Amino acid sequence: MHVVVVGCGRVGSELAGTLEKDGHSVAVVDKNKSAFRRLPQGFGGTTVVGFGFDRDHLLEAGVDRAGALAAVTNGDNSNILTARIARENFGIEHVVARIYDPRRALIYQRLGIPTVATVSWATDQVMRRLMPGEVKADWSDPSGKICVVERGLPPVWAGKKLSGLNEPGRFWLTAVTRLGNARIVDAGIVGQEGDMVTFTAATDALDALTERLETGKDH
């Protein structure tokens, strides 16, 4: 797949290198030529000095044959405009925009533009380490009503059937990662210390899920 990365800062350069390593052809667009020095040594993709919201610059980067585009500059407005142009003018299905303002990120998600809110992500990662006993969503749908949660299985559930963690209509255990191997759960799976458990849950049921996990009481 050909991928266009707009913005060659720390995120854009690492993303471009990873994509190329995975076998994709990559074009990087940045307004500053000096930014391309951040690209990995031996980078074989295309570099374009320009702006992601400029049609000619995007065409130079091969946007007309791209299967995906990531707008990861340090400007929210530029990223959103670039993402909209890629989606609406060039019909690129896989588009994502990096956004610093989490409130705006939510608005754009609801408009159908996938976003990554850097501040929200960083805050969430810090909170996970400060307060490991609290359940936080790893992903939520644009409406904010449904989420996916992953966390370590509390020792109180070791040796117990994990089906007791389920509450139909509120939260449901979907996968367990054990010793680095993930699998979809079946009705008879028993918990082991060190398991990572993944739930699909209603966002307003996270407190109840926390209580279920910590107390060890099934439904």
C-alpha atoms as a PDB file:
ATOM      1  CA  MET A   1       0.000   0.000   0.000  1.00  0.00           C
ATOM      2  CA  HIS A   2       1.144   3.558  -0.689  1.00  0.00           C
ATOM      3  CA  VAL A   3       0.838   5.789   2.399  1.00  0.00           C
ATOM      4  CA  VAL A   4       1.184   9.557   2.656  1.00  0.00           C
ATOM      5  CA  VAL A   5       2.453  10.942   5.961  1.00  0.00           C
ATOM      6  CA  VAL A   6       2.000  14.692   6.422  1.00  0.00           C
ATOM      7  CA  GLY A   7       4.356  16.042   9.060  1.00  0.00           C
ATOM      8  CA  CYS A   8       7.908  14.868   9.702  1.00  0.00           C
ATOM      9  CA  GLY A   9       8.301  15.522  13.405  1.00  0.00           C
ATOM     10  CA  ARG A  10       9.055  12.767  15.881  1.00  0.00           C
ATOM     11  CA  VAL A  11       5.744  11.015  15.290  1.00  0.00           C
ATOM     12  CA  GLY A  12       5.708  11.399  11.514  1.00  0.00           C
ATOM     13  CA  SER A  13       9.297  10.285  11.010  1.00  0.00           C
ATOM     14  CA  GLU A  14       8.891   7.212  13.204  1.00  0.00           C
ATOM     15  CA  LEU A  15       5.598   6.373  11.527  1.00  0.00           C
ATOM     16  CA  ALA A  16       7.153   6.687   8.061  1.00  0.00           C
ATOM     17  CA  GLY A  17      10.053   4.440   9.032  1.00  0.00           C
ATOM     18  CA  THR A  18       7.762   1.813  10.540  1.00  0.00           C
ATOM     19  CA  LEU A  19       5.491   1.787   7.502  1.00  0.00           C
ATOM     20  CA  GLU A  20       8.409   1.360   5.124  1.00  0.00           C
ATOM     21  CA  LYS A  21       9.847  -1.408   7.296  1.00  0.00           C
ATOM     22  CA  ASP A  22       6.486  -3.174   7.058  1.00  0.00           C
ATOM     23  CA  GLY A  23       6.733  -3.146   3.277  1.00  0.00           C
ATOM     24  CA  HIS A  24       4.645  -0.122   2.329  1.00  0.00           C
ATOM     25  CA  SER A  25       5.708   2.632  -0.041  1.00  0.00           C
ATOM     26  CA  VAL A  26       5.749   5.937   1.813  1.00  0.00           C
ATOM     27  CA  ALA A  27       5.762   9.627   0.910  1.00  0.00           C
ATOM     28  CA  VAL A  28       6.392  12.262   3.571  1.00  0.00           C
ATOM     29  CA  VAL A  29       5.241  15.881   3.261  1.00  0.00           C
ATOM     30  CA  ASP A  30       6.598  18.663   5.463  1.00  0.00           C
ATOM     31  CA  LYS A  31       6.849  22.426   5.047  1.00  0.00           C
ATOM     32  CA  ASN A  32      10.451  22.413   6.299  1.00  0.00           C
ATOM     33  CA  LYS A  33      13.057  20.574   4.268  1.00  0.00           C
ATOM     34  CA  SER A  34      15.269  20.247   7.337  1.00  0.00           C
ATOM     35  CA  ALA A  35      12.604  18.083   9.022  1.00  0.00           C
ATOM     36  CA  PHE A  36      13.461  15.155   6.759  1.00  0.00           C
ATOM     37  CA  ARG A  37      16.715  14.654   8.671  1.00  0.00           C
ATOM     38  CA  ARG A  38      14.592  12.891  11.289  1.00  0.00           C
ATOM     39  CA  LEU A  39      13.772  10.067   8.890  1.00  0.00           C
ATOM     40  CA  PRO A  40      15.574   6.769   9.515  1.00  0.00           C
ATOM     41  CA  GLN A  41      18.918   6.308   7.829  1.00  0.00           C
ATOM     42  CA  GLY A  42      18.412   4.706   4.444  1.00  0.00           C
ATOM     43  CA  PHE A  43      14.771   5.791   4.133  1.00  0.00           C
ATOM     44  CA  GLY A  44      13.786   5.038   0.561  1.00  0.00           C
ATOM     45  CA  GLY A  45      10.455   6.808   0.317  1.00  0.00           C
ATOM     46  CA  THR A  46       9.534  10.114  -1.291  1.00  0.00           C
ATOM     47  CA  THR A  47       9.930  13.466   0.463  1.00  0.00           C
ATOM     48  CA  VAL A  48       7.946  16.525  -0.571  1.00  0.00           C
ATOM     49  CA  VAL A  49       8.502  20.039   0.737  1.00  0.00           C
ATOM     50  CA  GLY A  50       5.048  21.525   1.041  1.00  0.00           C
ATOM     51  CA  PHE A  51       1.716  21.530   2.849  1.00  0.00           C
ATOM     52  CA  GLY A  52      -0.725  18.700   3.368  1.00  0.00           C
ATOM     53  CA  PHE A  53      -3.687  20.888   2.483  1.00  0.00           C
ATOM     54  CA  ASP A  54      -2.167  21.865  -0.887  1.00  0.00           C
ATOM     55  CA  ARG A  55      -3.587  19.695  -3.671  1.00  0.00           C
ATOM     56  CA  ASP A  56      -0.454  19.942  -5.835  1.00  0.00           C
ATOM     57  CA  HIS A  57       1.822  18.947  -2.960  1.00  0.00           C
ATOM     58  CA  LEU A  58      -0.396  15.980  -2.144  1.00  0.00           C
ATOM     59  CA  LEU A  59      -0.389  14.879  -5.777  1.00  0.00           C
ATOM     60  CA  GLU A  60       3.393  15.118  -5.805  1.00  0.00           C
ATOM     61  CA  ALA A  61       3.352  12.751  -2.824  1.00  0.00           C
ATOM     62  CA  GLY A  62       1.174  10.295  -4.747  1.00  0.00           C
ATOM     63  CA  VAL A  63      -2.074  10.869  -2.893  1.00  0.00           C
ATOM     64  CA  ASP A  64      -4.030   9.827  -5.998  1.00  0.00           C
ATOM     65  CA  ARG A  65      -2.715   6.269  -5.604  1.00  0.00           C
ATOM     66  CA  ALA A  66      -2.541   6.192  -1.799  1.00  0.00           C
ATOM     67  CA  GLY A  67      -4.525   3.780   0.300  1.00  0.00           C
ATOM     68  CA  ALA A  68      -3.980   5.697   3.535  1.00  0.00           C
ATOM     69  CA  LEU A  69      -2.955   9.119   4.857  1.00  0.00           C
ATOM     70  CA  ALA A  70      -1.841  10.297   8.294  1.00  0.00           C
ATOM     71  CA  ALA A  71      -1.850  14.009   9.139  1.00  0.00           C
ATOM     72  CA  VAL A  72       0.510  14.390  12.113  1.00  0.00           C
ATOM     73  CA  THR A  73       1.842  17.958  12.002  1.00  0.00           C
ATOM     74  CA  ASN A  74       1.795  20.106  15.150  1.00  0.00           C
ATOM     75  CA  GLY A  75      -1.235  22.067  13.953  1.00  0.00           C
ATOM     76  CA  ASP A  76      -4.778  20.861  14.626  1.00  0.00           C
ATOM     77  CA  ASN A  77      -6.346  22.959  11.859  1.00  0.00           C
ATOM     78  CA  SER A  78      -3.816  21.805   9.269  1.00  0.00           C
ATOM     79  CA  ASN A  79      -4.293  18.175  10.212  1.00  0.00           C
ATOM     80  CA  ILE A  80      -8.070  18.311  10.042  1.00  0.00           C
ATOM     81  CA  LEU A  81      -8.043  20.183   6.729  1.00  0.00           C
ATOM     82  CA  THR A  82      -5.563  17.691   5.282  1.00  0.00           C
ATOM     83  CA  ALA A  83      -7.645  14.748   6.493  1.00  0.00           C
ATOM     84  CA  ARG A  84     -10.828  16.182   4.977  1.00  0.00           C
ATOM     85  CA  ILE A  85      -9.150  16.834   1.635  1.00  0.00           C
ATOM     86  CA  ALA A  86      -7.782  13.291   1.567  1.00  0.00           C
ATOM     87  CA  ARG A  87     -11.173  11.810   2.421  1.00  0.00           C
ATOM     88  CA  GLU A  88     -13.475  14.072   0.423  1.00  0.00           C
ATOM     89  CA  ASN A  89     -11.366  15.060  -2.625  1.00  0.00           C
ATOM     90  CA  PHE A  90      -9.304  11.926  -3.137  1.00  0.00           C
ATOM     91  CA  GLY A  91     -11.586   9.287  -1.636  1.00  0.00           C
ATOM     92  CA  ILE A  92      -8.947   7.812   0.675  1.00  0.00           C
ATOM     93  CA  GLU A  93     -10.691   5.442   3.052  1.00  0.00           C
ATOM     94  CA  HIS A  94      -8.028   5.145   5.760  1.00  0.00           C
ATOM     95  CA  VAL A  95      -7.318   8.631   7.111  1.00  0.00           C
ATOM     96  CA  VAL A  96      -6.296   9.757  10.583  1.00  0.00           C
ATOM     97  CA  ALA A  97      -5.568  13.200  12.030  1.00  0.00           C
ATOM     98  CA  ARG A  98      -3.478  13.999  15.079  1.00  0.00           C
ATOM     99  CA  ILE A  99      -5.266  16.486  17.336  1.00  0.00           C
ATOM    100  CA  TYR A 100      -3.958  18.201  20.475  1.00  0.00           C
ATOM    101  CA  ASP A 101      -7.291  19.533  21.733  1.00  0.00           C
ATOM    102  CA  PRO A 102      -9.293  16.509  22.992  1.00  0.00           C
ATOM    103  CA  ARG A 103     -12.584  18.426  22.823  1.00  0.00           C
ATOM    104  CA  ARG A 104     -12.113  19.123  19.129  1.00  0.00           C
ATOM    105  CA  ALA A 105     -10.962  15.557  18.565  1.00  0.00           C
ATOM    106  CA  LEU A 106     -14.293  14.257  19.831  1.00  0.00           C
ATOM    107  CA  ILE A 107     -16.211  16.613  17.529  1.00  0.00           C
ATOM    108  CA  TYR A 108     -14.261  15.483  14.477  1.00  0.00           C
ATOM    109  CA  GLN A 109     -14.675  11.818  15.406  1.00  0.00           C
ATOM    110  CA  ARG A 110     -18.418  12.323  15.422  1.00  0.00           C
ATOM    111  CA  LEU A 111     -18.135  13.875  11.964  1.00  0.00           C
ATOM    112  CA  GLY A 112     -16.473  10.691  10.760  1.00  0.00           C
ATOM    113  CA  ILE A 113     -12.835  11.834  10.787  1.00  0.00           C
ATOM    114  CA  PRO A 114     -10.715   9.417  12.861  1.00  0.00           C
ATOM    115  CA  THR A 115      -8.466  11.340  15.245  1.00  0.00           C
ATOM    116  CA  VAL A 116      -5.715  10.652  17.760  1.00  0.00           C
ATOM    117  CA  ALA A 117      -5.841  13.090  20.665  1.00  0.00           C
ATOM    118  CA  THR A 118      -2.238  13.243  21.876  1.00  0.00           C
ATOM    119  CA  VAL A 119      -2.950  14.954  25.194  1.00  0.00           C
ATOM    120  CA  SER A 120      -5.785  12.583  26.081  1.00  0.00           C
ATOM    121  CA  TRP A 121      -3.667   9.556  25.236  1.00  0.00           C
ATOM    122  CA  ALA A 122      -0.701  10.723  27.308  1.00  0.00           C
ATOM    123  CA  THR A 123      -2.894  11.625  30.270  1.00  0.00           C
ATOM    124  CA  ASP A 124      -4.601   8.251  30.109  1.00  0.00           C
ATOM    125  CA  GLN A 125      -1.286   6.381  30.042  1.00  0.00           C
ATOM    126  CA  VAL A 126      -0.060   8.273  33.112  1.00  0.00           C
ATOM    127  CA  MET A 127      -3.315   7.631  34.966  1.00  0.00           C
ATOM    128  CA  ARG A 128      -3.122   3.903  34.238  1.00  0.00           C
ATOM    129  CA  ARG A 129       0.195   3.779  36.056  1.00  0.00           C
ATOM    130  CA  LEU A 130      -0.817   6.046  38.921  1.00  0.00           C
ATOM    131  CA  MET A 131      -4.158   4.343  39.564  1.00  0.00           C
ATOM    132  CA  PRO A 132      -3.869   0.737  38.337  1.00  0.00           C
ATOM    133  CA  GLY A 133      -6.994  -0.361  40.206  1.00  0.00           C
ATOM    134  CA  GLU A 134      -9.298   1.871  38.188  1.00  0.00           C
ATOM    135  CA  VAL A 135     -10.813   0.706  34.919  1.00  0.00           C
ATOM    136  CA  LYS A 136     -10.216   3.114  32.041  1.00  0.00           C
ATOM    137  CA  ALA A 137     -11.339   2.686  28.435  1.00  0.00           C
ATOM    138  CA  ASP A 138      -8.675   1.779  25.885  1.00  0.00           C
ATOM    139  CA  TRP A 139     -11.046   2.663  23.042  1.00  0.00           C
ATOM    140  CA  SER A 140     -14.515   4.136  22.760  1.00  0.00           C
ATOM    141  CA  ASP A 141     -16.850   4.604  19.828  1.00  0.00           C
ATOM    142  CA  PRO A 142     -17.555   8.163  18.567  1.00  0.00           C
ATOM    143  CA  SER A 143     -20.768   8.352  20.607  1.00  0.00           C
ATOM    144  CA  GLY A 144     -18.844   7.557  23.788  1.00  0.00           C
ATOM    145  CA  LYS A 145     -21.393   4.914  24.813  1.00  0.00           C
ATOM    146  CA  ILE A 146     -19.426   1.726  24.093  1.00  0.00           C
ATOM    147  CA  CYS A 147     -15.805   1.052  24.980  1.00  0.00           C
ATOM    148  CA  VAL A 148     -13.118  -1.607  25.065  1.00  0.00           C
ATOM    149  CA  VAL A 149     -11.186  -2.128  28.301  1.00  0.00           C
ATOM    150  CA  GLU A 150      -8.019  -4.136  28.948  1.00  0.00           C
ATOM    151  CA  ARG A 151      -6.492  -4.635  32.372  1.00  0.00           C
ATOM    152  CA  GLY A 152      -4.692  -7.139  34.540  1.00  0.00           C
ATOM    153  CA  LEU A 153      -6.819  -9.791  36.206  1.00  0.00           C
ATOM    154  CA  PRO A 154      -6.892  -9.218  39.994  1.00  0.00           C
ATOM    155  CA  PRO A 155      -5.552 -12.203  42.005  1.00  0.00           C
ATOM    156  CA  VAL A 156      -8.994 -12.727  43.548  1.00  0.00           C
ATOM    157  CA  TRP A 157     -10.151 -14.179  40.196  1.00  0.00           C
ATOM    158  CA  ALA A 158      -7.335 -16.728  39.886  1.00  0.00           C
ATOM    159  CA  GLY A 159      -8.816 -20.229  39.834  1.00  0.00           C
ATOM    160  CA  LYS A 160     -12.339 -18.978  39.153  1.00  0.00           C
ATOM    161  CA  LYS A 161     -14.417 -19.262  35.993  1.00  0.00           C
ATOM    162  CA  LEU A 162     -14.167 -15.902  34.250  1.00  0.00           C
ATOM    163  CA  SER A 163     -17.711 -16.166  32.927  1.00  0.00           C
ATOM    164  CA  GLY A 164     -18.630 -14.745  36.328  1.00  0.00           C
ATOM    165  CA  LEU A 165     -17.228 -11.412  35.168  1.00  0.00           C
ATOM    166  CA  ASN A 166     -19.937 -10.995  32.545  1.00  0.00           C
ATOM    167  CA  GLU A 167     -23.090  -8.962  32.896  1.00  0.00           C
ATOM    168  CA  PRO A 168     -25.238  -9.117  29.728  1.00  0.00           C
ATOM    169  CA  GLY A 169     -26.056  -5.710  28.314  1.00  0.00           C
ATOM    170  CA  ARG A 170     -23.402  -3.965  30.442  1.00  0.00           C
ATOM    171  CA  PHE A 171     -19.986  -5.638  30.051  1.00  0.00           C
ATOM    172  CA  TRP A 172     -18.694  -8.841  28.525  1.00  0.00           C
ATOM    173  CA  LEU A 173     -15.321 -10.563  28.641  1.00  0.00           C
ATOM    174  CA  THR A 174     -14.127 -11.150  25.069  1.00  0.00           C
ATOM    175  CA  ALA A 175     -10.446 -12.126  25.255  1.00  0.00           C
ATOM    176  CA  VAL A 176      -7.713 -13.227  27.632  1.00  0.00           C
ATOM    177  CA  THR A 177      -3.981 -12.787  27.124  1.00  0.00           C
ATOM    178  CA  ARG A 178      -1.963 -15.414  28.998  1.00  0.00           C
ATOM    179  CA  LEU A 179       1.823 -15.653  28.891  1.00  0.00           C
ATOM    180  CA  GLY A 180       1.832 -13.357  25.868  1.00  0.00           C
ATOM    181  CA  ASN A 181      -0.752 -15.353  23.910  1.00  0.00           C
ATOM    182  CA  ALA A 182      -4.194 -13.848  23.323  1.00  0.00           C
ATOM    183  CA  ARG A 183      -7.311 -15.891  22.683  1.00  0.00           C
ATOM    184  CA  ILE A 184     -11.055 -15.439  22.450  1.00  0.00           C
ATOM    185  CA  VAL A 185     -12.638 -16.750  25.632  1.00  0.00           C
ATOM    186  CA  ASP A 186     -14.982 -19.707  25.954  1.00  0.00           C
ATOM    187  CA  ALA A 187     -17.533 -20.326  28.677  1.00  0.00           C
ATOM    188  CA  GLY A 188     -15.259 -22.599  30.702  1.00  0.00           C
ATOM    189  CA  ILE A 189     -12.083 -20.530  30.891  1.00  0.00           C
ATOM    190  CA  VAL A 190     -10.580 -20.234  34.373  1.00  0.00           C
ATOM    191  CA  GLY A 191      -8.496 -17.263  35.466  1.00  0.00           C
ATOM    192  CA  GLN A 192      -4.790 -17.457  36.189  1.00  0.00           C
ATOM    193  CA  GLU A 193      -2.583 -14.962  37.963  1.00  0.00           C
ATOM    194  CA  GLY A 194      -0.946 -12.683  35.402  1.00  0.00           C
ATOM    195  CA  ASP A 195      -3.814 -12.836  32.900  1.00  0.00           C
ATOM    196  CA  MET A 196      -4.750  -9.724  30.930  1.00  0.00           C
ATOM    197  CA  VAL A 197      -8.491  -9.517  30.319  1.00  0.00           C
ATOM    198  CA  THR A 198     -10.303  -7.562  27.603  1.00  0.00           C
ATOM    199  CA  PHE A 199     -13.921  -6.442  27.871  1.00  0.00           C
ATOM    200  CA  THR A 200     -16.480  -4.768  25.675  1.00  0.00           C
ATOM    201  CA  ALA A 201     -18.500  -2.543  27.979  1.00  0.00           C
ATOM    202  CA  ALA A 202     -21.055   0.207  28.223  1.00  0.00           C
ATOM    203  CA  THR A 203     -19.175   3.332  29.270  1.00  0.00           C
ATOM    204  CA  ASP A 204     -21.622   4.037  32.083  1.00  0.00           C
ATOM    205  CA  ALA A 205     -20.976   0.542  33.495  1.00  0.00           C
ATOM    206  CA  LEU A 206     -17.224   0.942  34.105  1.00  0.00           C
ATOM    207  CA  ASP A 207     -17.656   1.523  37.830  1.00  0.00           C
ATOM    208  CA  ALA A 208     -19.679  -1.683  38.104  1.00  0.00           C
ATOM    209  CA  LEU A 209     -17.005  -3.544  36.139  1.00  0.00           C
ATOM    210  CA  THR A 210     -14.341  -2.217  38.509  1.00  0.00           C
ATOM    211  CA  GLU A 211     -16.335  -3.467  41.498  1.00  0.00           C
ATOM    212  CA  ARG A 212     -16.860  -6.875  39.900  1.00  0.00           C
ATOM    213  CA  LEU A 213     -13.143  -7.254  39.210  1.00  0.00           C
ATOM    214  CA  GLU A 214     -11.953  -6.093  42.616  1.00  0.00           C
ATOM    215  CA  THR A 215     -14.426  -7.937  44.819  1.00  0.00           C
ATOM    216  CA  GLY A 216     -14.288 -11.266  43.008  1.00  0.00           C
ATOM    217  CA  LYS A 217     -18.072 -11.626  43.280  1.00  0.00           C
ATOM    218  CA  ASP A 218     -19.768 -12.969  40.176  1.00  0.00           C
ATOM    219  CA  HIS A 219     -23.235 -12.036  39.015  1.00  0.00           C
END
